[in-house]
Amino acid sequence: GKLLVMDGGETEGDAEMLVSLLEKKCGAHPVVDLWMISHSHLDHYGALEILAKAPELRERITVSKLCACTDIPVSFPENDQARIAAIPGLLGCEQVTPHAGDVLTVDDLEIRMLYTWEDDPKLEAAGSFNRLSLVFTVTGPAQRAMFIGDSVSTGPTVVRDRTDPALLKSDFLQLAHHGLDGGNIGFYRLVNPTTVLI
């Protein structure tokens, strides 16, 4: 009966689709226990921002916690971090700021943070929020899923080199950057998923 949402889309249509999907799967007025934003690009948080600003959508759903990095000390032109930081106030929910090594729980799910912006070796030259994508696993009683947002190879390489391989093996893996690029074969081999999400 618990609900965990990852990212979410960009447009008004995406926001309506997300709310309708959650209602279809969870019944009237779904409660999201934890909404994760992998990184500060509009196509990953925009639908949630629209939902938060639109009373007709906001009244159909409750979000308890939002997990996102809004404390990155690098300026980006679209003011994305500030826009994400405003969402909890609009929704009346708690904000969680993740750090590598943190373990969050939702019922019997364990969300383990493997990489955040703090692990980026060239933060000042980041160039894109993609390289600052969260890398985390969600482990339940029988299976594990890994989410890597739009990671460039930096994040997966750091995770591969610093993490016990037993914590990397996952049944499901969300491929980097919509399946376009960003992971690396050594990392993917350690994760060794049965199913990939694109």
Foldseek 3Di string as FASTA:
>chain_A
DAAEAFFWAADCVRLVVVLVVCCVVPNWAEEHAEYEQFWQDRGRHRSLLVLLVDVVNLVRYAYAEYEDALPQPEDDDPNRSVSVVCSCVSRVYYYHYDDAQDWDDDVQKIKHWHAALVPQPCSHVPVDRLQGTTWIWIDGPPFIEIEGEQAACRSLVSSLVPDDLVRQQGQEYEDHRNVPHHHDPVSCVSNVYVYYHD
